[in-house]
Amino acid sequence: MTFFVFGYDKYLARTNRRQVSEKTLLSLAFFWGSVGAVFAQKIFRHKSKKI
């Protein structure tokens, strides 16, 4: 689930739409699986430029 939400957020960013909040993304990673979040960051290059 986390993987797909990260992917959807990346899609929204590319189409200049309102994105999923950072708080929601971090909560999903914490409760639903950080592994999916890590894979999504690598595959979608999602928020990988932020420190």
C-alpha atoms as a PDB file:
ATOM      1  CA  MET A   1       0.000   0.000   0.000  1.00  0.00           C
ATOM      2  CA  THR A   2       2.770   2.415   0.932  1.00  0.00           C
ATOM      3  CA  PHE A   3       4.567   1.731  -2.345  1.00  0.00           C
ATOM      4  CA  PHE A   4       1.494   2.628  -4.396  1.00  0.00           C
ATOM      5  CA  VAL A   5       0.743   5.816  -2.450  1.00  0.00           C
ATOM      6  CA  PHE A   6       4.327   6.996  -2.973  1.00  0.00           C
ATOM      7  CA  GLY A   7       3.935   6.261  -6.685  1.00  0.00           C
ATOM      8  CA  TYR A   8       0.632   8.116  -6.816  1.00  0.00           C
ATOM      9  CA  ASP A   9       2.216  11.088  -5.056  1.00  0.00           C
ATOM     10  CA  LYS A  10       4.989  11.146  -7.653  1.00  0.00           C
ATOM     11  CA  TYR A  11       2.357  11.082 -10.411  1.00  0.00           C
ATOM     12  CA  LEU A  12       0.581  14.037  -8.798  1.00  0.00           C
ATOM     13  CA  ALA A  13       3.864  15.947  -8.589  1.00  0.00           C
ATOM     14  CA  ARG A  14       4.601  15.379 -12.274  1.00  0.00           C
ATOM     15  CA  THR A  15       1.133  16.564 -13.306  1.00  0.00           C
ATOM     16  CA  ASN A  16       1.335  19.695 -11.124  1.00  0.00           C
ATOM     17  CA  ARG A  17      -1.496  18.666  -8.821  1.00  0.00           C
ATOM     18  CA  ARG A  18      -1.814  18.862  -5.071  1.00  0.00           C
ATOM     19  CA  GLN A  19       0.353  16.145  -3.545  1.00  0.00           C
ATOM     20  CA  VAL A  20      -0.106  13.785  -0.627  1.00  0.00           C
ATOM     21  CA  SER A  21       1.129  15.451   2.555  1.00  0.00           C
ATOM     22  CA  GLU A  22       4.532  14.576   3.964  1.00  0.00           C
ATOM     23  CA  LYS A  23       2.870  13.650   7.254  1.00  0.00           C
ATOM     24  CA  THR A  24       0.648  11.120   5.501  1.00  0.00           C
ATOM     25  CA  LEU A  25       3.572   9.577   3.623  1.00  0.00           C
ATOM     26  CA  LEU A  26       5.642   9.231   6.775  1.00  0.00           C
ATOM     27  CA  SER A  27       2.695   7.784   8.707  1.00  0.00           C
ATOM     28  CA  LEU A  28       2.115   5.204   5.980  1.00  0.00           C
ATOM     29  CA  ALA A  29       5.785   4.263   6.021  1.00  0.00           C
ATOM     30  CA  PHE A  30       5.697   3.857   9.792  1.00  0.00           C
ATOM     31  CA  PHE A  31       2.445   1.920  10.111  1.00  0.00           C
ATOM     32  CA  TRP A  32       2.107   0.084   6.782  1.00  0.00           C
ATOM     33  CA  GLY A  33       5.687  -0.705   5.918  1.00  0.00           C
ATOM     34  CA  SER A  34       8.908   1.157   5.520  1.00  0.00           C
ATOM     35  CA  VAL A  35      10.164  -1.433   3.018  1.00  0.00           C
ATOM     36  CA  GLY A  36       7.555  -0.305   0.489  1.00  0.00           C
ATOM     37  CA  ALA A  37       8.533   3.313   1.084  1.00  0.00           C
ATOM     38  CA  VAL A  38      12.220   2.587   0.515  1.00  0.00           C
ATOM     39  CA  PHE A  39      11.523   0.691  -2.712  1.00  0.00           C
ATOM     40  CA  ALA A  40       9.221   3.474  -3.912  1.00  0.00           C
ATOM     41  CA  GLN A  41      11.879   6.093  -3.222  1.00  0.00           C
ATOM     42  CA  LYS A  42      14.390   4.127  -5.277  1.00  0.00           C
ATOM     43  CA  ILE A  43      12.087   3.198  -8.158  1.00  0.00           C
ATOM     44  CA  PHE A  44      10.147   6.467  -8.488  1.00  0.00           C
ATOM     45  CA  ARG A  45      13.076   8.652  -7.341  1.00  0.00           C
ATOM     46  CA  HIS A  46      10.579  10.026  -4.847  1.00  0.00           C
ATOM     47  CA  LYS A  47      11.816  12.771  -2.537  1.00  0.00           C
ATOM     48  CA  SER A  48      15.360  11.486  -3.003  1.00  0.00           C
ATOM     49  CA  LYS A  49      16.876  14.920  -3.564  1.00  0.00           C
ATOM     50  CA  LYS A  50      15.708  16.232  -0.192  1.00  0.00           C
ATOM     51  CA  ILE A  51      18.078  15.856   2.710  1.00  0.00           C
END
